Amino acid sequence: MKLAAIFFFLGLFYCSSALSSLERRLDALESRLDSLEEPLWHVLPKGDLSWERCHLRGPCNCTYLTRTVDCWGALEPQSRIFAQLELPVDVRALVLSKNSGLDAIPAQLFKGLGAIIELSAVDASIASIPKYALSPLRDLMHLNLAGNRLRTLPENVFWLQKAMRTLDLSMNELDS
């Protein structure tokens, strides 16, 4: 009788563990599907006027001299978070930190923004990054994704970032 009880509890533990694993996989899949539906920001043509438009029309601070778009905590947590932005094509540094509505990085988010060398998305609640989302950022040197909800990263997600000097993935939920 004791042996049957032990097997019963082991079975419950195994089912609980399997359900937990399945739940994590479903959460990741849901984030990935949401990222496919996300409308992307508008990429503005190169020039001084695009930086002025970025500054006047968007919620972020846009600085032409340093080619920086700083959206630190400026984006409204909603399902269409990136539709609020108009970014100049020659942006070099992008700050998306402290924006709790990001959840998933849309697969085509950085298309047309290949000049970015610094990207910061600290404490942005990011749970997933599609495999090729960072592909357009071939000159990326500094990436800070600390304090998010990342559990896994796609294989070779950083393989095109040959210039990468710093990568911060601390304070995430990454499986080792």
N, C-alpha and C. Protein backbone atom coordinates (compact mmCIF):
# COMPACT_ATOMS: atom_id res chain seq x y z
N MET A 1 0.82 -1.19 0.00
CA MET A 1 0.00 0.00 0.00
C MET A 1 0.87 1.25 0.00
N LYS A 2 1.95 1.24 0.81
CA LYS A 2 2.84 2.40 0.85
C LYS A 2 3.50 2.63 -0.50
N LEU A 3 3.88 1.56 -1.17
CA LEU A 3 4.52 1.67 -2.47
C LEU A 3 3.56 2.28 -3.50
N ALA A 4 2.31 1.90 -3.45
CA ALA A 4 1.30 2.45 -4.35
C ALA A 4 1.13 3.95 -4.11
N ALA A 5 1.15 4.35 -2.85
CA ALA A 5 1.01 5.77 -2.51
C ALA A 5 2.21 6.56 -3.02
N ILE A 6 3.40 5.97 -2.89
CA ILE A 6 4.61 6.64 -3.38
C ILE A 6 4.52 6.83 -4.89
N PHE A 7 4.13 5.77 -5.61
CA PHE A 7 3.99 5.88 -7.06
C PHE A 7 2.91 6.90 -7.44
N PHE A 8 1.84 6.95 -6.66
CA PHE A 8 0.78 7.92 -6.91
C PHE A 8 1.32 9.34 -6.80
N PHE A 9 2.06 9.63 -5.72
CA PHE A 9 2.61 10.98 -5.52
C PHE A 9 3.70 11.32 -6.54
N LEU A 10 4.50 10.32 -6.92
CA LEU A 10 5.48 10.54 -7.98
C LEU A 10 4.79 10.88 -9.30
N GLY A 11 3.70 10.19 -9.57
CA GLY A 11 2.93 10.47 -10.78
C GLY A 11 2.36 11.88 -10.76
N LEU A 12 1.85 12.30 -9.59
CA LEU A 12 1.33 13.67 -9.46
C LEU A 12 2.44 14.69 -9.66
N PHE A 13 3.62 14.42 -9.08
CA PHE A 13 4.75 15.34 -9.24
C PHE A 13 5.15 15.45 -10.70
N TYR A 14 5.22 14.30 -11.38
CA TYR A 14 5.59 14.30 -12.79
C TYR A 14 4.56 15.07 -13.61
N CYS A 15 3.27 14.86 -13.34
CA CYS A 15 2.21 15.57 -14.08
C CYS A 15 2.29 17.06 -13.82
N SER A 16 2.56 17.43 -12.58
CA SER A 16 2.68 18.85 -12.22
C SER A 16 3.85 19.48 -12.95
N SER A 17 4.98 18.78 -13.00
CA SER A 17 6.16 19.27 -13.69
C SER A 17 5.90 19.39 -15.19
N ALA A 18 5.25 18.39 -15.76
CA ALA A 18 4.94 18.41 -17.20
C ALA A 18 3.96 19.54 -17.51
N LEU A 19 2.97 19.75 -16.65
CA LEU A 19 2.02 20.86 -16.86
C LEU A 19 2.72 22.21 -16.77
N SER A 20 3.63 22.34 -15.84
CA SER A 20 4.38 23.58 -15.69
C SER A 20 5.20 23.87 -16.94
N SER A 21 5.85 22.83 -17.45
CA SER A 21 6.64 22.97 -18.68
C SER A 21 5.74 23.33 -19.85
N LEU A 22 4.60 22.68 -19.96
CA LEU A 22 3.65 22.97 -21.03
C LEU A 22 3.12 24.40 -20.91
N GLU A 23 2.86 24.83 -19.71
CA GLU A 23 2.37 26.20 -19.47
C GLU A 23 3.41 27.23 -19.93
N ARG A 24 4.70 26.99 -19.61
CA ARG A 24 5.77 27.90 -20.05
C ARG A 24 5.84 27.94 -21.58
N ARG A 25 5.72 26.79 -22.20
CA ARG A 25 5.77 26.73 -23.67
C ARG A 25 4.58 27.47 -24.29
N LEU A 26 3.40 27.32 -23.71
CA LEU A 26 2.22 28.01 -24.22
C LEU A 26 2.35 29.53 -24.04
N ASP A 27 2.90 29.98 -22.92
CA ASP A 27 3.14 31.41 -22.70
C ASP A 27 4.09 31.96 -23.76
N ALA A 28 5.16 31.22 -24.04
CA ALA A 28 6.12 31.67 -25.05
C ALA A 28 5.47 31.72 -26.43
N LEU A 29 4.66 30.72 -26.75
CA LEU A 29 3.98 30.69 -28.04
C LEU A 29 2.99 31.85 -28.16
N GLU A 30 2.28 32.14 -27.09
CA GLU A 30 1.34 33.27 -27.10
C GLU A 30 2.07 34.59 -27.34
N SER A 31 3.21 34.79 -26.69
CA SER A 31 4.00 36.00 -26.90
C SER A 31 4.48 36.10 -28.34
N ARG A 32 4.91 34.97 -28.89
CA ARG A 32 5.39 34.98 -30.27
C ARG A 32 4.26 35.31 -31.24
N LEU A 33 3.09 34.75 -31.00
CA LEU A 33 1.95 35.07 -31.87
C LEU A 33 1.56 36.54 -31.75
N ASP A 34 1.57 37.07 -30.54
CA ASP A 34 1.28 38.49 -30.35
C ASP A 34 2.27 39.35 -31.11
N SER A 35 3.53 38.94 -31.15
CA SER A 35 4.54 39.74 -31.83
C SER A 35 4.31 39.79 -33.34
N LEU A 36 3.67 38.77 -33.89
CA LEU A 36 3.38 38.78 -35.32
C LEU A 36 2.28 39.77 -35.67
N GLU A 37 1.39 40.04 -34.72
CA GLU A 37 0.28 40.96 -34.95
C GLU A 37 0.64 42.41 -34.68
N GLU A 38 1.75 42.64 -34.04
CA GLU A 38 2.15 43.99 -33.62
C GLU A 38 2.45 44.88 -34.83
N PRO A 39 1.75 46.02 -34.95
CA PRO A 39 2.12 46.93 -36.03
C PRO A 39 3.46 47.58 -35.69
N LEU A 40 4.29 47.78 -36.70
CA LEU A 40 5.61 48.32 -36.47
C LEU A 40 5.61 49.83 -36.56
N TRP A 41 6.64 50.41 -36.00
CA TRP A 41 6.77 51.86 -36.07
C TRP A 41 7.06 52.28 -37.50
N HIS A 42 6.91 53.57 -37.72
CA HIS A 42 7.19 54.14 -39.03
C HIS A 42 8.65 54.56 -39.07
N VAL A 43 9.39 54.12 -40.09
CA VAL A 43 10.78 54.50 -40.26
C VAL A 43 10.81 55.71 -41.19
N LEU A 44 11.37 56.81 -40.67
CA LEU A 44 11.42 58.06 -41.42
C LEU A 44 12.70 58.14 -42.24
N PRO A 45 12.67 58.83 -43.38
CA PRO A 45 13.88 58.94 -44.21
C PRO A 45 14.98 59.73 -43.51
N LYS A 46 16.19 59.55 -43.99
CA LYS A 46 17.35 60.21 -43.41
C LYS A 46 17.25 61.73 -43.58
N GLY A 47 17.66 62.46 -42.54
CA GLY A 47 17.70 63.92 -42.64
C GLY A 47 17.24 64.61 -41.37
N ASP A 48 17.56 65.91 -41.29
CA ASP A 48 17.24 66.71 -40.11
C ASP A 48 15.74 66.75 -39.84
N LEU A 49 14.92 66.83 -40.90
CA LEU A 49 13.48 66.94 -40.72
C LEU A 49 12.88 65.70 -40.07
N SER A 50 13.44 64.54 -40.36
CA SER A 50 12.91 63.32 -39.74
C SER A 50 13.17 63.33 -38.23
N TRP A 51 14.29 63.89 -37.81
CA TRP A 51 14.58 63.99 -36.38
C TRP A 51 13.66 64.99 -35.71
N GLU A 52 13.34 66.06 -36.38
CA GLU A 52 12.39 67.04 -35.84
C GLU A 52 11.00 66.42 -35.73
N ARG A 53 10.61 65.67 -36.74
CA ARG A 53 9.30 65.01 -36.72
C ARG A 53 9.25 63.97 -35.61
N CYS A 54 10.32 63.22 -35.45
CA CYS A 54 10.41 62.22 -34.38
C CYS A 54 10.20 62.89 -33.03
N HIS A 55 10.85 64.02 -32.83
CA HIS A 55 10.77 64.74 -31.56
C HIS A 55 9.38 65.33 -31.32
N LEU A 56 8.77 65.89 -32.35
CA LEU A 56 7.49 66.57 -32.18
C LEU A 56 6.29 65.63 -32.12
N ARG A 57 6.34 64.54 -32.83
CA ARG A 57 5.16 63.67 -32.95
C ARG A 57 5.15 62.47 -32.01
N GLY A 58 6.27 62.09 -31.50
CA GLY A 58 6.30 60.87 -30.71
C GLY A 58 6.46 61.12 -29.22
N PRO A 59 6.29 60.08 -28.43
CA PRO A 59 6.41 60.20 -26.98
C PRO A 59 7.86 60.15 -26.49
N CYS A 60 8.81 59.95 -27.40
CA CYS A 60 10.21 59.77 -27.03
C CYS A 60 11.01 61.04 -27.23
N ASN A 61 12.18 61.09 -26.59
CA ASN A 61 13.13 62.18 -26.82
C ASN A 61 14.06 61.77 -27.95
N CYS A 62 14.07 62.59 -28.99
CA CYS A 62 14.89 62.30 -30.17
C CYS A 62 15.97 63.36 -30.28
N THR A 63 17.24 62.93 -30.29
CA THR A 63 18.36 63.85 -30.32
C THR A 63 19.17 63.63 -31.59
N TYR A 64 19.16 64.62 -32.46
CA TYR A 64 19.84 64.52 -33.75
C TYR A 64 21.35 64.40 -33.60
N LEU A 65 21.95 65.19 -32.72
CA LEU A 65 23.41 65.22 -32.60
C LEU A 65 24.00 63.86 -32.24
N THR A 66 23.33 63.13 -31.38
CA THR A 66 23.83 61.81 -30.98
C THR A 66 23.09 60.68 -31.68
N ARG A 67 22.10 61.02 -32.48
CA ARG A 67 21.28 60.04 -33.20
C ARG A 67 20.65 59.04 -32.23
N THR A 68 20.09 59.59 -31.14
CA THR A 68 19.51 58.78 -30.08
C THR A 68 18.00 58.98 -29.99
N VAL A 69 17.28 57.90 -29.86
CA VAL A 69 15.85 57.94 -29.56
C VAL A 69 15.69 57.30 -28.19
N ASP A 70 15.26 58.11 -27.22
CA ASP A 70 15.15 57.66 -25.83
C ASP A 70 13.67 57.60 -25.44
N CYS A 71 13.17 56.38 -25.31
CA CYS A 71 11.77 56.15 -24.96
C CYS A 71 11.65 55.60 -23.54
N TRP A 72 12.56 55.98 -22.65
CA TRP A 72 12.59 55.47 -21.28
C TRP A 72 11.24 55.71 -20.61
N GLY A 73 10.46 54.66 -20.42
CA GLY A 73 9.17 54.74 -19.74
C GLY A 73 8.13 55.60 -20.43
N ALA A 74 8.32 55.90 -21.72
CA ALA A 74 7.44 56.85 -22.41
C ALA A 74 6.31 56.19 -23.20
N LEU A 75 6.36 54.89 -23.38
CA LEU A 75 5.37 54.23 -24.23
C LEU A 75 4.19 53.73 -23.40
N GLU A 76 3.01 53.92 -23.94
CA GLU A 76 1.79 53.47 -23.27
C GLU A 76 1.69 51.95 -23.33
N PRO A 77 1.45 51.31 -22.20
CA PRO A 77 1.32 49.84 -22.21
C PRO A 77 0.00 49.43 -22.85
N GLN A 78 0.05 49.15 -24.11
CA GLN A 78 -1.13 48.72 -24.86
C GLN A 78 -0.69 47.72 -25.90
N SER A 79 -1.64 47.12 -26.56
CA SER A 79 -1.30 46.07 -27.52
C SER A 79 -0.60 46.62 -28.76
N ARG A 80 -0.76 47.87 -29.08
CA ARG A 80 -0.16 48.46 -30.28
C ARG A 80 0.92 49.47 -29.90
N ILE A 81 1.83 49.07 -29.05
CA ILE A 81 2.81 49.97 -28.45
C ILE A 81 3.76 50.61 -29.47
N PHE A 82 4.17 49.89 -30.49
CA PHE A 82 5.14 50.44 -31.44
C PHE A 82 4.51 51.35 -32.48
N ALA A 83 3.20 51.28 -32.64
CA ALA A 83 2.52 52.13 -33.61
C ALA A 83 2.60 53.61 -33.20
N GLN A 84 2.99 53.89 -31.96
CA GLN A 84 3.10 55.26 -31.47
C GLN A 84 4.35 55.96 -31.98
N LEU A 85 5.29 55.22 -32.54
CA LEU A 85 6.61 55.78 -32.82
C LEU A 85 6.90 56.01 -34.30
N GLU A 86 7.64 57.07 -34.53
CA GLU A 86 8.21 57.35 -35.84
C GLU A 86 9.71 57.53 -35.61
N LEU A 87 10.50 56.64 -36.19
CA LEU A 87 11.94 56.65 -35.96
C LEU A 87 12.72 57.03 -37.21
N PRO A 88 13.71 57.89 -37.07
CA PRO A 88 14.58 58.19 -38.21
C PRO A 88 15.40 56.95 -38.58
N VAL A 89 15.61 56.75 -39.86
CA VAL A 89 16.32 55.58 -40.35
C VAL A 89 17.76 55.52 -39.84
N ASP A 90 18.35 56.67 -39.51
CA ASP A 90 19.74 56.71 -39.08
C ASP A 90 19.93 56.75 -37.56
N VAL A 91 18.93 56.26 -36.82
CA VAL A 91 19.05 56.20 -35.36
C VAL A 91 20.20 55.26 -35.00
N ARG A 92 21.07 55.70 -34.07
CA ARG A 92 22.24 54.90 -33.66
C ARG A 92 22.03 54.25 -32.28
N ALA A 93 21.26 54.94 -31.41
CA ALA A 93 21.01 54.40 -30.07
C ALA A 93 19.51 54.46 -29.81
N LEU A 94 18.97 53.35 -29.34
CA LEU A 94 17.54 53.24 -29.06
C LEU A 94 17.34 52.73 -27.65
N VAL A 95 16.58 53.49 -26.85
CA VAL A 95 16.32 53.12 -25.46
C VAL A 95 14.83 52.81 -25.33
N LEU A 96 14.51 51.57 -25.00
CA LEU A 96 13.13 51.13 -24.80
C LEU A 96 12.90 50.69 -23.36
N SER A 97 13.80 51.03 -22.47
CA SER A 97 13.75 50.58 -21.08
C SER A 97 12.56 51.14 -20.32
N LYS A 98 12.15 50.38 -19.30
CA LYS A 98 11.07 50.75 -18.39
C LYS A 98 9.72 50.94 -19.09
N ASN A 99 9.49 50.16 -20.14
CA ASN A 99 8.20 50.15 -20.83
C ASN A 99 7.58 48.77 -20.63
N SER A 100 6.61 48.69 -19.76
CA SER A 100 6.10 47.39 -19.33
C SER A 100 5.22 46.68 -20.35
N GLY A 101 4.85 47.31 -21.43
CA GLY A 101 3.95 46.67 -22.38
C GLY A 101 4.60 46.00 -23.55
N LEU A 102 5.91 45.79 -23.53
CA LEU A 102 6.58 45.22 -24.71
C LEU A 102 6.29 43.73 -24.88
N ASP A 103 6.40 42.95 -23.84
CA ASP A 103 6.15 41.51 -23.85
C ASP A 103 6.98 40.73 -24.87
N ALA A 104 6.75 40.95 -26.14
CA ALA A 104 7.48 40.22 -27.17
C ALA A 104 8.02 41.20 -28.20
N ILE A 105 9.20 40.94 -28.67
CA ILE A 105 9.79 41.76 -29.73
C ILE A 105 9.20 41.27 -31.06
N PRO A 106 8.50 42.11 -31.80
CA PRO A 106 7.98 41.68 -33.10
C PRO A 106 9.11 41.24 -34.04
N ALA A 107 8.85 40.25 -34.84
CA ALA A 107 9.88 39.66 -35.70
C ALA A 107 10.52 40.67 -36.66
N GLN A 108 9.77 41.62 -37.16
CA GLN A 108 10.28 42.58 -38.14
C GLN A 108 10.53 43.95 -37.54
N LEU A 109 10.64 44.05 -36.23
CA LEU A 109 10.72 45.34 -35.55
C LEU A 109 11.87 46.22 -36.01
N PHE A 110 13.03 45.65 -36.23
CA PHE A 110 14.21 46.45 -36.54
C PHE A 110 14.50 46.55 -38.04
N LYS A 111 13.58 46.08 -38.85
CA LYS A 111 13.75 46.17 -40.31
C LYS A 111 13.88 47.64 -40.71
N GLY A 112 14.93 47.95 -41.46
CA GLY A 112 15.17 49.32 -41.90
C GLY A 112 15.92 50.18 -40.90
N LEU A 113 16.32 49.60 -39.76
CA LEU A 113 17.02 50.35 -38.71
C LEU A 113 18.41 49.78 -38.47
N GLY A 114 19.10 49.43 -39.53
CA GLY A 114 20.41 48.79 -39.44
C GLY A 114 21.53 49.65 -38.88
N ALA A 115 21.30 50.95 -38.67
CA ALA A 115 22.35 51.83 -38.14
C ALA A 115 22.47 51.75 -36.62
N ILE A 116 21.54 51.07 -35.96
CA ILE A 116 21.55 51.00 -34.49
C ILE A 116 22.80 50.26 -34.01
N ILE A 117 23.56 50.91 -33.11
CA ILE A 117 24.73 50.26 -32.51
C ILE A 117 24.52 50.02 -31.02
N GLU A 118 23.51 50.68 -30.44
CA GLU A 118 23.23 50.50 -29.02
C GLU A 118 21.74 50.36 -28.81
N LEU A 119 21.34 49.28 -28.13
CA LEU A 119 19.93 49.01 -27.86
C LEU A 119 19.78 48.65 -26.40
N SER A 120 18.90 49.37 -25.71
CA SER A 120 18.64 49.10 -24.30
C SER A 120 17.15 48.89 -24.10
N ALA A 121 16.81 47.75 -23.53
CA ALA A 121 15.41 47.44 -23.20
C ALA A 121 15.39 46.79 -21.81
N VAL A 122 15.87 47.54 -20.83
CA VAL A 122 15.94 47.07 -19.44
C VAL A 122 14.55 47.18 -18.81
N ASP A 123 14.17 46.17 -18.03
CA ASP A 123 12.88 46.16 -17.33
C ASP A 123 11.72 46.50 -18.25
N ALA A 124 11.66 45.83 -19.39
CA ALA A 124 10.61 46.10 -20.37
C ALA A 124 9.62 44.94 -20.49
N SER A 125 9.70 43.98 -19.59
CA SER A 125 8.78 42.83 -19.56
C SER A 125 8.87 41.93 -20.79
N ILE A 126 9.99 41.96 -21.48
CA ILE A 126 10.14 41.15 -22.70
C ILE A 126 10.25 39.67 -22.31
N ALA A 127 9.37 38.86 -22.90
CA ALA A 127 9.37 37.43 -22.61
C ALA A 127 9.93 36.60 -23.75
N SER A 128 9.95 37.17 -24.97
CA SER A 128 10.48 36.39 -26.09
C SER A 128 11.07 37.29 -27.16
N ILE A 129 12.03 36.73 -27.86
CA ILE A 129 12.66 37.39 -28.99
C ILE A 129 12.67 36.39 -30.14
N PRO A 130 12.00 36.70 -31.25
CA PRO A 130 12.03 35.77 -32.38
C PRO A 130 13.46 35.60 -32.91
N LYS A 131 13.72 34.47 -33.50
CA LYS A 131 15.07 34.10 -33.93
C LYS A 131 15.76 35.16 -34.79
N TYR A 132 15.05 35.75 -35.74
CA TYR A 132 15.69 36.68 -36.67
C TYR A 132 15.36 38.14 -36.39
N ALA A 133 14.78 38.45 -35.24
CA ALA A 133 14.38 39.83 -34.93
C ALA A 133 15.56 40.79 -34.91
N LEU A 134 16.72 40.33 -34.48
CA LEU A 134 17.89 41.21 -34.38
C LEU A 134 18.76 41.18 -35.64
N SER A 135 18.38 40.40 -36.63
CA SER A 135 19.18 40.26 -37.85
C SER A 135 19.52 41.59 -38.53
N PRO A 136 18.59 42.55 -38.62
CA PRO A 136 18.96 43.82 -39.29
C PRO A 136 20.02 44.62 -38.55
N LEU A 137 20.25 44.31 -37.29
CA LEU A 137 21.18 45.09 -36.45
C LEU A 137 22.59 44.51 -36.50
N ARG A 138 23.15 44.46 -37.66
CA ARG A 138 24.47 43.83 -37.85
C ARG A 138 25.60 44.63 -37.21
N ASP A 139 25.41 45.94 -37.02
CA ASP A 139 26.45 46.77 -36.40
C ASP A 139 26.24 46.95 -34.90
N LEU A 140 25.28 46.23 -34.33
CA LEU A 140 24.96 46.36 -32.91
C LEU A 140 26.19 46.04 -32.06
N MET A 141 26.57 46.98 -31.19
CA MET A 141 27.73 46.79 -30.32
C MET A 141 27.35 46.56 -28.87
N HIS A 142 26.25 47.17 -28.43
CA HIS A 142 25.85 47.10 -27.02
C HIS A 142 24.37 46.76 -26.93
N LEU A 143 24.06 45.65 -26.26
CA LEU A 143 22.68 45.21 -26.09
C LEU A 143 22.44 44.94 -24.62
N ASN A 144 21.45 45.64 -24.06
CA ASN A 144 21.11 45.46 -22.65
C ASN A 144 19.65 45.03 -22.54
N LEU A 145 19.45 43.78 -22.17
CA LEU A 145 18.11 43.21 -21.99
C LEU A 145 17.91 42.75 -20.54
N ALA A 146 18.59 43.39 -19.62
CA ALA A 146 18.51 43.00 -18.21
C ALA A 146 17.12 43.24 -17.64
N GLY A 147 16.75 42.40 -16.68
CA GLY A 147 15.52 42.61 -15.93
C GLY A 147 14.24 42.36 -16.70
N ASN A 148 14.28 41.47 -17.66
CA ASN A 148 13.07 41.12 -18.41
C ASN A 148 12.55 39.76 -17.97
N ARG A 149 11.70 39.16 -18.77
CA ARG A 149 11.11 37.86 -18.44
C ARG A 149 11.55 36.77 -19.43
N LEU A 150 12.73 36.94 -20.00
CA LEU A 150 13.24 35.97 -20.97
C LEU A 150 13.51 34.64 -20.28
N ARG A 151 12.96 33.57 -20.83
CA ARG A 151 13.19 32.23 -20.29
C ARG A 151 14.13 31.44 -21.18
N THR A 152 14.01 31.68 -22.48
CA THR A 152 14.87 31.02 -23.45
C THR A 152 15.22 32.03 -24.54
N LEU A 153 16.27 31.72 -25.26
CA LEU A 153 16.65 32.51 -26.42
C LEU A 153 16.78 31.55 -27.60
N PRO A 154 16.34 31.99 -28.77
CA PRO A 154 16.50 31.11 -29.94
C PRO A 154 17.97 30.83 -30.21
N GLU A 155 18.24 29.67 -30.73
CA GLU A 155 19.61 29.31 -31.08
C GLU A 155 20.15 30.30 -32.11
N ASN A 156 21.37 30.74 -31.90
CA ASN A 156 22.06 31.66 -32.80
C ASN A 156 21.36 33.01 -32.97
N VAL A 157 20.64 33.47 -31.96
CA VAL A 157 19.90 34.73 -32.06
C VAL A 157 20.84 35.93 -32.30
N PHE A 158 22.10 35.83 -31.86
CA PHE A 158 23.05 36.92 -32.01
C PHE A 158 24.12 36.64 -33.07
N TRP A 159 23.89 35.70 -33.94
CA TRP A 159 24.94 35.25 -34.86
C TRP A 159 25.38 36.29 -35.88
N LEU A 160 24.56 37.28 -36.20
CA LEU A 160 24.96 38.30 -37.17
C LEU A 160 25.59 39.53 -36.51
N GLN A 161 25.57 39.59 -35.22
CA GLN A 161 26.10 40.75 -34.50
C GLN A 161 27.60 40.56 -34.23
N LYS A 162 28.38 40.63 -35.28
CA LYS A 162 29.83 40.41 -35.19
C LYS A 162 30.53 41.53 -34.43
N ALA A 163 29.92 42.73 -34.37
CA ALA A 163 30.53 43.87 -33.68
C ALA A 163 30.16 43.93 -32.19
N MET A 164 29.35 42.99 -31.71
CA MET A 164 28.86 43.02 -30.33
C MET A 164 30.02 43.04 -29.34
N ARG A 165 29.98 44.03 -28.45
CA ARG A 165 31.00 44.18 -27.41
C ARG A 165 30.43 43.87 -26.02
N THR A 166 29.18 44.29 -25.78
CA THR A 166 28.58 44.02 -24.47
C THR A 166 27.17 43.47 -24.66
N LEU A 167 26.85 42.48 -23.84
CA LEU A 167 25.54 41.85 -23.83
C LEU A 167 25.16 41.63 -22.37
N ASP A 168 24.05 42.22 -21.94
CA ASP A 168 23.61 42.06 -20.56
C ASP A 168 22.25 41.38 -20.56
N LEU A 169 22.22 40.15 -20.07
CA LEU A 169 20.99 39.37 -19.95
C LEU A 169 20.70 39.06 -18.48
N SER A 170 21.31 39.81 -17.58
CA SER A 170 21.13 39.55 -16.16
C SER A 170 19.68 39.78 -15.72
N MET A 171 19.34 39.17 -14.63
CA MET A 171 18.02 39.30 -14.01
C MET A 171 16.87 38.93 -14.95
N ASN A 172 17.07 37.88 -15.73
CA ASN A 172 16.02 37.28 -16.55
C ASN A 172 15.73 35.91 -15.95
N GLU A 173 14.87 35.15 -16.57
CA GLU A 173 14.48 33.84 -16.09
C GLU A 173 15.05 32.74 -17.01
N LEU A 174 16.24 32.99 -17.55
CA LEU A 174 16.82 32.07 -18.52
C LEU A 174 17.14 30.72 -17.91
N ASP A 175 16.78 29.67 -18.66
CA ASP A 175 17.15 28.30 -18.28
C ASP A 175 18.61 28.11 -18.63
N SER A 176 19.33 27.43 -17.79
CA SER A 176 20.75 27.23 -18.07
C SER A 176 21.00 25.95 -18.81
